[in-house]
Amino acid sequence: RIYQGACAVCHEVGGPPLFGSRPSLALNSNLHSDAPDNLIQVILHGIAKPAATDLGYMPAFKDSMTDGQVAELVAFLRGQFAPDKPVWNDVAATVGRIRQNIAR
């Protein structure tokens, strides 16, 4: 539900793009990395200046999602879009650590 509510409008394959192109999460290197840190950073901070103008921006979710919701979303994204990769361990702790660093 978190993915459908926050991400699918821009990342779901199929249908006309509403906010620029639809960047494929299956091709996202953050989802295929050894650690979830970069993915968590993007979810929390968003992307204000995309690499290409047709991509549009991505909003930050640090003020609208709890650590638990971010951890759930990260685990879902990894399983959905990088199913050949191992599950990340201690995602909730990583979200907490990264969010704590934001507060500093």
PDB file of N, CA and C in Angstrom:
ATOM      1  N   ARG A   1       0.817  -1.205   0.000  1.00  0.00           N
ATOM      2  CA  ARG A   1       0.000   0.000   0.000  1.00  0.00           C
ATOM      3  C   ARG A   1       0.854   1.260   0.000  1.00  0.00           C
ATOM      4  N   ILE A   2       1.970   1.225   0.706  1.00  0.00           N
ATOM      5  CA  ILE A   2       2.840   2.406   0.744  1.00  0.00           C
ATOM      6  C   ILE A   2       3.349   2.718  -0.662  1.00  0.00           C
ATOM      7  N   TYR A   3       3.799   1.690  -1.375  1.00  0.00           N
ATOM      8  CA  TYR A   3       4.284   1.885  -2.747  1.00  0.00           C
ATOM      9  C   TYR A   3       3.172   2.442  -3.627  1.00  0.00           C
ATOM     10  N   GLN A   4       1.989   1.854  -3.549  1.00  0.00           N
ATOM     11  CA  GLN A   4       0.875   2.316  -4.386  1.00  0.00           C
ATOM     12  C   GLN A   4       0.509   3.765  -4.076  1.00  0.00           C
ATOM     13  N   GLY A   5       0.560   4.140  -2.815  1.00  0.00           N
ATOM     14  CA  GLY A   5       0.176   5.487  -2.426  1.00  0.00           C
ATOM     15  C   GLY A   5       1.222   6.555  -2.677  1.00  0.00           C
ATOM     16  N   ALA A   6       2.486   6.185  -2.600  1.00  0.00           N
ATOM     17  CA  ALA A   6       3.545   7.198  -2.680  1.00  0.00           C
ATOM     18  C   ALA A   6       4.397   7.124  -3.939  1.00  0.00           C
ATOM     19  N   CYS A   7       4.504   5.951  -4.545  1.00  0.00           N
ATOM     20  CA  CYS A   7       5.494   5.764  -5.602  1.00  0.00           C
ATOM     21  C   CYS A   7       4.917   5.416  -6.972  1.00  0.00           C
ATOM     22  N   ALA A   8       3.839   4.661  -6.976  1.00  0.00           N
ATOM     23  CA  ALA A   8       3.330   4.078  -8.220  1.00  0.00           C
ATOM     24  C   ALA A   8       2.948   5.118  -9.267  1.00  0.00           C
ATOM     25  N   VAL A   9       2.447   6.271  -8.846  1.00  0.00           N
ATOM     26  CA  VAL A   9       2.016   7.275  -9.811  1.00  0.00           C
ATOM     27  C   VAL A   9       3.162   7.673 -10.747  1.00  0.00           C
ATOM     28  N   CYS A  10       4.377   7.623 -10.273  1.00  0.00           N
ATOM     29  CA  CYS A  10       5.531   7.975 -11.106  1.00  0.00           C
ATOM     30  C   CYS A  10       6.328   6.761 -11.580  1.00  0.00           C
ATOM     31  N   HIS A  11       6.311   5.668 -10.833  1.00  0.00           N
ATOM     32  CA  HIS A  11       7.193   4.547 -11.136  1.00  0.00           C
ATOM     33  C   HIS A  11       6.501   3.308 -11.686  1.00  0.00           C
ATOM     34  N   GLU A  12       5.184   3.239 -11.617  1.00  0.00           N
ATOM     35  CA  GLU A  12       4.468   2.066 -12.115  1.00  0.00           C
ATOM     36  C   GLU A  12       4.573   2.017 -13.637  1.00  0.00           C
ATOM     37  N   VAL A  13       4.896   0.854 -14.157  1.00  0.00           N
ATOM     38  CA  VAL A  13       5.022   0.682 -15.607  1.00  0.00           C
ATOM     39  C   VAL A  13       3.623   0.587 -16.201  1.00  0.00           C
ATOM     40  N   GLY A  14       3.415   1.236 -17.328  1.00  0.00           N
ATOM     41  CA  GLY A  14       2.126   1.201 -18.011  1.00  0.00           C
ATOM     42  C   GLY A  14       1.356   2.485 -17.791  1.00  0.00           C
ATOM     43  N   GLY A  15       0.556   2.850 -18.773  1.00  0.00           N
ATOM     44  CA  GLY A  15      -0.212   4.083 -18.684  1.00  0.00           C
ATOM     45  C   GLY A  15       0.647   5.285 -19.024  1.00  0.00           C
ATOM     46  N   PRO A  16       0.005   6.397 -19.285  1.00  0.00           N
ATOM     47  CA  PRO A  16       0.758   7.601 -19.654  1.00  0.00           C
ATOM     48  C   PRO A  16       1.466   8.198 -18.441  1.00  0.00           C
ATOM     49  N   PRO A  17       2.668   8.697 -18.630  1.00  0.00           N
ATOM     50  CA  PRO A  17       3.370   9.336 -17.518  1.00  0.00           C
ATOM     51  C   PRO A  17       2.690  10.645 -17.144  1.00  0.00           C
ATOM     52  N   LEU A  18       2.527  10.882 -15.854  1.00  0.00           N
ATOM     53  CA  LEU A  18       1.874  12.097 -15.392  1.00  0.00           C
ATOM     54  C   LEU A  18       2.864  13.193 -15.042  1.00  0.00           C
ATOM     55  N   PHE A  19       4.057  12.819 -14.611  1.00  0.00           N
ATOM     56  CA  PHE A  19       5.047  13.799 -14.169  1.00  0.00           C
ATOM     57  C   PHE A  19       6.388  13.513 -14.834  1.00  0.00           C
ATOM     58  N   GLY A  20       6.494  13.686 -16.131  1.00  0.00           N
ATOM     59  CA  GLY A  20       7.718  13.358 -16.848  1.00  0.00           C
ATOM     60  C   GLY A  20       7.745  11.880 -17.177  1.00  0.00           C
ATOM     61  N   SER A  21       8.935  11.347 -17.418  1.00  0.00           N
ATOM     62  CA  SER A  21       9.047   9.933 -17.768  1.00  0.00           C
ATOM     63  C   SER A  21       8.866   9.073 -16.524  1.00  0.00           C
ATOM     64  N   ARG A  22       8.729   7.781 -16.733  1.00  0.00           N
ATOM     65  CA  ARG A  22       8.560   6.840 -15.626  1.00  0.00           C
ATOM     66  C   ARG A  22       9.877   6.108 -15.397  1.00  0.00           C
ATOM     67  N   PRO A  23      10.702   6.575 -14.468  1.00  0.00           N
ATOM     68  CA  PRO A  23      11.974   5.898 -14.222  1.00  0.00           C
ATOM     69  C   PRO A  23      11.741   4.487 -13.683  1.00  0.00           C
ATOM     70  N   SER A  24      12.329   3.521 -14.354  1.00  0.00           N
ATOM     71  CA  SER A  24      12.158   2.126 -13.964  1.00  0.00           C
ATOM     72  C   SER A  24      12.957   1.816 -12.710  1.00  0.00           C
ATOM     73  N   LEU A  25      12.275   1.354 -11.694  1.00  0.00           N
ATOM     74  CA  LEU A  25      12.970   0.992 -10.469  1.00  0.00           C
ATOM     75  C   LEU A  25      13.771  -0.291 -10.636  1.00  0.00           C
ATOM     76  N   ALA A  26      13.402  -1.110 -11.603  1.00  0.00           N
ATOM     77  CA  ALA A  26      14.156  -2.341 -11.854  1.00  0.00           C
ATOM     78  C   ALA A  26      15.578  -2.026 -12.328  1.00  0.00           C
ATOM     79  N   LEU A  27      15.764  -0.841 -12.887  1.00  0.00           N
ATOM     80  CA  LEU A  27      17.088  -0.442 -13.377  1.00  0.00           C
ATOM     81  C   LEU A  27      17.835   0.452 -12.377  1.00  0.00           C
ATOM     82  N   ASN A  28      17.222   0.732 -11.264  1.00  0.00           N
ATOM     83  CA  ASN A  28      17.808   1.642 -10.281  1.00  0.00           C
ATOM     84  C   ASN A  28      18.953   0.961  -9.543  1.00  0.00           C
ATOM     85  N   SER A  29      20.137   1.523  -9.640  1.00  0.00           N
ATOM     86  CA  SER A  29      21.317   0.902  -9.022  1.00  0.00           C
ATOM     87  C   SER A  29      21.215   0.854  -7.498  1.00  0.00           C
ATOM     88  N   ASN A  30      20.477   1.782  -6.894  1.00  0.00           N
ATOM     89  CA  ASN A  30      20.314   1.758  -5.436  1.00  0.00           C
ATOM     90  C   ASN A  30      19.636   0.473  -4.967  1.00  0.00           C
ATOM     91  N   LEU A  31      18.723  -0.048  -5.760  1.00  0.00           N
ATOM     92  CA  LEU A  31      18.013  -1.264  -5.384  1.00  0.00           C
ATOM     93  C   LEU A  31      18.867  -2.513  -5.540  1.00  0.00           C
ATOM     94  N   HIS A  32      19.923  -2.414  -6.318  1.00  0.00           N
ATOM     95  CA  HIS A  32      20.788  -3.567  -6.571  1.00  0.00           C
ATOM     96  C   HIS A  32      22.093  -3.508  -5.767  1.00  0.00           C
ATOM     97  N   SER A  33      22.240  -2.490  -4.935  1.00  0.00           N
ATOM     98  CA  SER A  33      23.489  -2.339  -4.185  1.00  0.00           C
ATOM     99  C   SER A  33      23.536  -3.274  -2.978  1.00  0.00           C
ATOM    100  N   ASP A  34      24.702  -3.342  -2.363  1.00  0.00           N
ATOM    101  CA  ASP A  34      24.896  -4.224  -1.210  1.00  0.00           C
ATOM    102  C   ASP A  34      24.249  -3.693   0.066  1.00  0.00           C
ATOM    103  N   ALA A  35      23.994  -2.401   0.121  1.00  0.00           N
ATOM    104  CA  ALA A  35      23.413  -1.784   1.323  1.00  0.00           C
ATOM    105  C   ALA A  35      22.256  -0.866   0.913  1.00  0.00           C
ATOM    106  N   PRO A  36      21.265  -0.688   1.786  1.00  0.00           N
ATOM    107  CA  PRO A  36      20.098   0.123   1.445  1.00  0.00           C
ATOM    108  C   PRO A  36      20.266   1.624   1.674  1.00  0.00           C
ATOM    109  N   ASP A  37      21.414   2.053   2.127  1.00  0.00           N
ATOM    110  CA  ASP A  37      21.608   3.440   2.557  1.00  0.00           C
ATOM    111  C   ASP A  37      21.216   4.478   1.501  1.00  0.00           C
ATOM    112  N   ASN A  38      21.687   4.331   0.269  1.00  0.00           N
ATOM    113  CA  ASN A  38      21.378   5.320  -0.766  1.00  0.00           C
ATOM    114  C   ASN A  38      19.889   5.359  -1.078  1.00  0.00           C
ATOM    115  N   LEU A  39      19.256   4.211  -1.134  1.00  0.00           N
ATOM    116  CA  LEU A  39      17.818   4.168  -1.380  1.00  0.00           C
ATOM    117  C   LEU A  39      17.068   4.888  -0.268  1.00  0.00           C
ATOM    118  N   ILE A  40      17.454   4.648   0.967  1.00  0.00           N
ATOM    119  CA  ILE A  40      16.815   5.305   2.108  1.00  0.00           C
ATOM    120  C   ILE A  40      17.015   6.815   2.031  1.00  0.00           C
ATOM    121  N   GLN A  41      18.213   7.243   1.683  1.00  0.00           N
ATOM    122  CA  GLN A  41      18.483   8.682   1.538  1.00  0.00           C
ATOM    123  C   GLN A  41      17.553   9.314   0.500  1.00  0.00           C
ATOM    124  N   VAL A  42      17.377   8.648  -0.632  1.00  0.00           N
ATOM    125  CA  VAL A  42      16.521   9.185  -1.693  1.00  0.00           C
ATOM    126  C   VAL A  42      15.070   9.253  -1.234  1.00  0.00           C
ATOM    127  N   ILE A  43      14.601   8.220  -0.547  1.00  0.00           N
ATOM    128  CA  ILE A  43      13.225   8.229  -0.056  1.00  0.00           C
ATOM    129  C   ILE A  43      13.029   9.357   0.960  1.00  0.00           C
ATOM    130  N   LEU A  44      13.959   9.521   1.861  1.00  0.00           N
ATOM    131  CA  LEU A  44      13.831  10.554   2.890  1.00  0.00           C
ATOM    132  C   LEU A  44      14.007  11.965   2.337  1.00  0.00           C
ATOM    133  N   HIS A  45      14.986  12.169   1.447  1.00  0.00           N
ATOM    134  CA  HIS A  45      15.326  13.512   0.964  1.00  0.00           C
ATOM    135  C   HIS A  45      14.702  13.867  -0.378  1.00  0.00           C
ATOM    136  N   GLY A  46      14.301  12.873  -1.154  1.00  0.00           N
ATOM    137  CA  GLY A  46      13.774  13.143  -2.484  1.00  0.00           C
ATOM    138  C   GLY A  46      14.877  13.516  -3.455  1.00  0.00           C
ATOM    139  N   ILE A  47      14.468  13.960  -4.631  1.00  0.00           N
ATOM    140  CA  ILE A  47      15.410  14.414  -5.660  1.00  0.00           C
ATOM    141  C   ILE A  47      14.891  15.748  -6.173  1.00  0.00           C
ATOM    142  N   ALA A  48      15.556  16.830  -5.783  1.00  0.00           N
ATOM    143  CA  ALA A  48      15.122  18.172  -6.169  1.00  0.00           C
ATOM    144  C   ALA A  48      15.578  18.537  -7.582  1.00  0.00           C
ATOM    145  N   LYS A  49      16.752  18.032  -7.967  1.00  0.00           N
ATOM    146  CA  LYS A  49      17.296  18.347  -9.289  1.00  0.00           C
ATOM    147  C   LYS A  49      17.627  17.041 -10.003  1.00  0.00           C
ATOM    148  N   PRO A  50      16.693  16.527 -10.807  1.00  0.00           N
ATOM    149  CA  PRO A  50      16.940  15.259 -11.495  1.00  0.00           C
ATOM    150  C   PRO A  50      18.055  15.373 -12.537  1.00  0.00           C
ATOM    151  N   ALA A  51      18.625  14.237 -12.885  1.00  0.00           N
ATOM    152  CA  ALA A  51      19.729  14.194 -13.851  1.00  0.00           C
ATOM    153  C   ALA A  51      19.294  14.650 -15.238  1.00  0.00           C
ATOM    154  N   ALA A  52      18.048  14.401 -15.598  1.00  0.00           N
ATOM    155  CA  ALA A  52      17.508  14.819 -16.897  1.00  0.00           C
ATOM    156  C   ALA A  52      16.206  15.563 -16.664  1.00  0.00           C
ATOM    157  N   THR A  53      15.951  16.580 -17.464  1.00  0.00           N
ATOM    158  CA  THR A  53      14.774  17.424 -17.252  1.00  0.00           C
ATOM    159  C   THR A  53      13.458  16.687 -17.449  1.00  0.00           C
ATOM    160  N   ASP A  54      13.428  15.637 -18.257  1.00  0.00           N
ATOM    161  CA  ASP A  54      12.172  14.921 -18.474  1.00  0.00           C
ATOM    162  C   ASP A  54      11.811  13.984 -17.321  1.00  0.00           C
ATOM    163  N   LEU A  55      12.711  13.819 -16.347  1.00  0.00           N
ATOM    164  CA  LEU A  55      12.426  12.926 -15.233  1.00  0.00           C
ATOM    165  C   LEU A  55      11.512  13.552 -14.184  1.00  0.00           C
ATOM    166  N   GLY A  56      11.551  14.846 -14.030  1.00  0.00           N
ATOM    167  CA  GLY A  56      10.787  15.468 -12.965  1.00  0.00           C
ATOM    168  C   GLY A  56      11.488  15.255 -11.628  1.00  0.00           C
ATOM    169  N   TYR A  57      10.948  15.861 -10.601  1.00  0.00           N
ATOM    170  CA  TYR A  57      11.565  15.726  -9.282  1.00  0.00           C
ATOM    171  C   TYR A  57      10.880  14.601  -8.511  1.00  0.00           C
ATOM    172  N   MET A  58      11.487  14.202  -7.396  1.00  0.00           N
ATOM    173  CA  MET A  58      10.874  13.237  -6.499  1.00  0.00           C
ATOM    174  C   MET A  58      10.737  13.904  -5.140  1.00  0.00           C
ATOM    175  N   PRO A  59       9.541  13.861  -4.553  1.00  0.00           N
ATOM    176  CA  PRO A  59       9.370  14.509  -3.260  1.00  0.00           C
ATOM    177  C   PRO A  59      10.096  13.757  -2.147  1.00  0.00           C
ATOM    178  N   ALA A  60      10.406  14.475  -1.095  1.00  0.00           N
ATOM    179  CA  ALA A  60      10.989  13.872   0.104  1.00  0.00           C
ATOM    180  C   ALA A  60       9.862  13.327   0.970  1.00  0.00           C
ATOM    181  N   PHE A  61      10.104  12.200   1.617  1.00  0.00           N
ATOM    182  CA  PHE A  61       9.097  11.586   2.461  1.00  0.00           C
ATOM    183  C   PHE A  61       9.492  11.571   3.937  1.00  0.00           C
ATOM    184  N   LYS A  62      10.550  12.293   4.298  1.00  0.00           N
ATOM    185  CA  LYS A  62      11.013  12.271   5.689  1.00  0.00           C
ATOM    186  C   LYS A  62       9.987  12.812   6.664  1.00  0.00           C
ATOM    187  N   ASP A  63       9.135  13.700   6.225  1.00  0.00           N
ATOM    188  CA  ASP A  63       8.130  14.278   7.118  1.00  0.00           C
ATOM    189  C   ASP A  63       6.777  13.579   7.029  1.00  0.00           C
ATOM    190  N   SER A  64       6.615  12.678   6.076  1.00  0.00           N
ATOM    191  CA  SER A  64       5.308  12.032   5.919  1.00  0.00           C
ATOM    192  C   SER A  64       5.327  10.526   6.143  1.00  0.00           C
ATOM    193  N   MET A  65       6.508   9.928   6.280  1.00  0.00           N
ATOM    194  CA  MET A  65       6.611   8.495   6.553  1.00  0.00           C
ATOM    195  C   MET A  65       7.385   8.263   7.841  1.00  0.00           C
ATOM    196  N   THR A  66       6.940   7.279   8.603  1.00  0.00           N
ATOM    197  CA  THR A  66       7.667   6.871   9.804  1.00  0.00           C
ATOM    198  C   THR A  66       8.857   6.010   9.405  1.00  0.00           C
ATOM    199  N   ASP A  67       9.738   5.760  10.343  1.00  0.00           N
ATOM    200  CA  ASP A  67      10.866   4.863  10.087  1.00  0.00           C
ATOM    201  C   ASP A  67      10.356   3.492   9.655  1.00  0.00           C
ATOM    202  N   GLY A  68       9.317   3.021  10.317  1.00  0.00           N
ATOM    203  CA  GLY A  68       8.746   1.713   9.974  1.00  0.00           C
ATOM    204  C   GLY A  68       8.197   1.668   8.566  1.00  0.00           C
ATOM    205  N   GLN A  69       7.534   2.730   8.145  1.00  0.00           N
ATOM    206  CA  GLN A  69       6.997   2.778   6.784  1.00  0.00           C
ATOM    207  C   GLN A  69       8.118   2.804   5.749  1.00  0.00           C
ATOM    208  N   VAL A  70       9.161   3.587   6.022  1.00  0.00           N
ATOM    209  CA  VAL A  70      10.304   3.629   5.106  1.00  0.00           C
ATOM    210  C   VAL A  70      10.953   2.251   5.031  1.00  0.00           C
ATOM    211  N   ALA A  71      11.147   1.603   6.157  1.00  0.00           N
ATOM    212  CA  ALA A  71      11.760   0.269   6.183  1.00  0.00           C
ATOM    213  C   ALA A  71      10.906  -0.732   5.412  1.00  0.00           C
ATOM    214  N   GLU A  72       9.593  -0.678   5.591  1.00  0.00           N
ATOM    215  CA  GLU A  72       8.682  -1.563   4.842  1.00  0.00           C
ATOM    216  C   GLU A  72       8.789  -1.313   3.346  1.00  0.00           C
ATOM    217  N   LEU A  73       8.791  -0.042   2.965  1.00  0.00           N
ATOM    218  CA  LEU A  73       8.886   0.320   1.556  1.00  0.00           C
ATOM    219  C   LEU A  73      10.206  -0.160   0.961  1.00  0.00           C
ATOM    220  N   VAL A  74      11.294   0.055   1.662  1.00  0.00           N
ATOM    221  CA  VAL A  74      12.616  -0.357   1.186  1.00  0.00           C
ATOM    222  C   VAL A  74      12.664  -1.876   0.980  1.00  0.00           C
ATOM    223  N   ALA A  75      12.152  -2.624   1.936  1.00  0.00           N
ATOM    224  CA  ALA A  75      12.132  -4.085   1.813  1.00  0.00           C
ATOM    225  C   ALA A  75      11.260  -4.518   0.629  1.00  0.00           C
ATOM    226  N   PHE A  76      10.111  -3.879   0.458  1.00  0.00           N
ATOM    227  CA  PHE A  76       9.228  -4.197  -0.666  1.00  0.00           C
ATOM    228  C   PHE A  76       9.922  -3.907  -1.989  1.00  0.00           C
ATOM    229  N   LEU A  77      10.530  -2.733  -2.105  1.00  0.00           N
ATOM    230  CA  LEU A  77      11.190  -2.349  -3.359  1.00  0.00           C
ATOM    231  C   LEU A  77      12.304  -3.319  -3.721  1.00  0.00           C
ATOM    232  N   ARG A  78      13.096  -3.712  -2.738  1.00  0.00           N
ATOM    233  CA  ARG A  78      14.191  -4.668  -2.985  1.00  0.00           C
ATOM    234  C   ARG A  78      13.631  -5.988  -3.510  1.00  0.00           C
ATOM    235  N   GLY A  79      12.604  -6.507  -2.849  1.00  0.00           N
ATOM    236  CA  GLY A  79      12.013  -7.776  -3.268  1.00  0.00           C
ATOM    237  C   GLY A  79      11.323  -7.698  -4.612  1.00  0.00           C
ATOM    238  N   GLN A  80      10.695  -6.584  -4.887  1.00  0.00           N
ATOM    239  CA  GLN A  80       9.932  -6.419  -6.128  1.00  0.00           C
ATOM    240  C   GLN A  80      10.828  -6.146  -7.333  1.00  0.00           C
ATOM    241  N   PHE A  81      11.814  -5.285  -7.164  1.00  0.00           N
ATOM    242  CA  PHE A  81      12.592  -4.804  -8.302  1.00  0.00           C
ATOM    243  C   PHE A  81      14.017  -5.348  -8.378  1.00  0.00           C
ATOM    244  N   ALA A  82      14.461  -6.069  -7.360  1.00  0.00           N
ATOM    245  CA  ALA A  82      15.779  -6.727  -7.375  1.00  0.00           C
ATOM    246  C   ALA A  82      15.628  -8.108  -6.746  1.00  0.00           C
ATOM    247  N   PRO A  83      14.725  -8.928  -7.291  1.00  0.00           N
ATOM    248  CA  PRO A  83      14.431 -10.218  -6.653  1.00  0.00           C
ATOM    249  C   PRO A  83      15.601 -11.197  -6.641  1.00  0.00           C
ATOM    250  N   ASP A  84      16.588 -10.960  -7.479  1.00  0.00           N
ATOM    251  CA  ASP A  84      17.756 -11.841  -7.519  1.00  0.00           C
ATOM    252  C   ASP A  84      18.795 -11.480  -6.454  1.00  0.00           C
ATOM    253  N   LYS A  85      18.561 -10.407  -5.740  1.00  0.00           N
ATOM    254  CA  LYS A  85      19.501  -9.945  -4.706  1.00  0.00           C
ATOM    255  C   LYS A  85      19.041 -10.411  -3.327  1.00  0.00           C
ATOM    256  N   PRO A  86      19.987 -10.602  -2.397  1.00  0.00           N
ATOM    257  CA  PRO A  86      19.600 -11.026  -1.045  1.00  0.00           C
ATOM    258  C   PRO A  86      18.851  -9.917  -0.296  1.00  0.00           C
ATOM    259  N   VAL A  87      18.062 -10.319   0.664  1.00  0.00           N
ATOM    260  CA  VAL A  87      17.332  -9.385   1.518  1.00  0.00           C
ATOM    261  C   VAL A  87      18.336  -8.578   2.330  1.00  0.00           C
ATOM    262  N   TRP A  88      18.068  -7.275   2.473  1.00  0.00           N
ATOM    263  CA  TRP A  88      18.905  -6.438   3.330  1.00  0.00           C
ATOM    264  C   TRP A  88      18.539  -6.711   4.784  1.00  0.00           C
ATOM    265  N   ASN A  89      19.526  -6.776   5.660  1.00  0.00           N
ATOM    266  CA  ASN A  89      19.304  -6.982   7.089  1.00  0.00           C
ATOM    267  C   ASN A  89      19.253  -5.647   7.822  1.00  0.00           C
ATOM    268  N   ASP A  90      18.501  -5.615   8.895  1.00  0.00           N
ATOM    269  CA  ASP A  90      18.433  -4.450   9.789  1.00  0.00           C
ATOM    270  C   ASP A  90      18.083  -3.147   9.078  1.00  0.00           C
ATOM    271  N   VAL A  91      17.127  -3.218   8.156  1.00  0.00           N
ATOM    272  CA  VAL A  91      16.726  -2.020   7.416  1.00  0.00           C
ATOM    273  C   VAL A  91      16.161  -0.966   8.371  1.00  0.00           C
ATOM    274  N   ALA A  92      15.348  -1.386   9.328  1.00  0.00           N
ATOM    275  CA  ALA A  92      14.763  -0.417  10.265  1.00  0.00           C
ATOM    276  C   ALA A  92      15.846   0.330  11.039  1.00  0.00           C
ATOM    277  N   ALA A  93      16.877  -0.381  11.469  1.00  0.00           N
ATOM    278  CA  ALA A  93      17.982   0.265  12.183  1.00  0.00           C
ATOM    279  C   ALA A  93      18.724   1.235  11.274  1.00  0.00           C
ATOM    280  N   THR A  94      18.886   0.875  10.015  1.00  0.00           N
ATOM    281  CA  THR A  94      19.563   1.756   9.064  1.00  0.00           C
ATOM    282  C   THR A  94      18.750   3.013   8.825  1.00  0.00           C
ATOM    283  N   VAL A  95      17.432   2.873   8.696  1.00  0.00           N
ATOM    284  CA  VAL A  95      16.563   4.044   8.535  1.00  0.00           C
ATOM    285  C   VAL A  95      16.708   4.951   9.753  1.00  0.00           C
ATOM    286  N   GLY A  96      16.667   4.386  10.934  1.00  0.00           N
ATOM    287  CA  GLY A  96      16.801   5.163  12.157  1.00  0.00           C
ATOM    288  C   GLY A  96      18.119   5.903  12.230  1.00  0.00           C
ATOM    289  N   ARG A  97      19.202   5.225  11.860  1.00  0.00           N
ATOM    290  CA  ARG A  97      20.536   5.851  11.876  1.00  0.00           C
ATOM    291  C   ARG A  97      20.594   7.017  10.892  1.00  0.00           C
ATOM    292  N   ILE A  98      20.070   6.806   9.688  1.00  0.00           N
ATOM    293  CA  ILE A  98      20.122   7.860   8.672  1.00  0.00           C
ATOM    294  C   ILE A  98      19.224   9.036   9.068  1.00  0.00           C
ATOM    295  N   ARG A  99      18.050   8.735   9.610  1.00  0.00           N
ATOM    296  CA  ARG A  99      17.170   9.819  10.037  1.00  0.00           C
ATOM    297  C   ARG A  99      17.794  10.595  11.197  1.00  0.00           C
ATOM    298  N   GLN A 100      18.473   9.909  12.088  1.00  0.00           N
ATOM    299  CA  GLN A 100      19.137  10.570  13.213  1.00  0.00           C
ATOM    300  C   GLN A 100      20.204  11.540  12.702  1.00  0.00           C
ATOM    301  N   ASN A 101      20.896  11.150  11.627  1.00  0.00           N
ATOM    302  CA  ASN A 101      21.911  12.022  11.036  1.00  0.00           C
ATOM    303  C   ASN A 101      21.287  13.254  10.388  1.00  0.00           C
ATOM    304  N   ILE A 102      20.048  13.138   9.913  1.00  0.00           N
ATOM    305  CA  ILE A 102      19.349  14.287   9.342  1.00  0.00           C
ATOM    306  C   ILE A 102      19.104  15.333  10.416  1.00  0.00           C
ATOM    307  N   ALA A 103      18.756  14.866  11.612  1.00  0.00           N
ATOM    308  CA  ALA A 103      18.415  15.772  12.708  1.00  0.00           C
ATOM    309  C   ALA A 103      19.608  16.568  13.216  1.00  0.00           C
ATOM    310  N   ARG A 104      20.793  16.142  12.913  1.00  0.00           N
ATOM    311  CA  ARG A 104      22.002  16.825  13.403  1.00  0.00           C
ATOM    312  C   ARG A 104      22.283  18.089  12.666  1.00  0.00           C
TER     313      ARG A 104
END
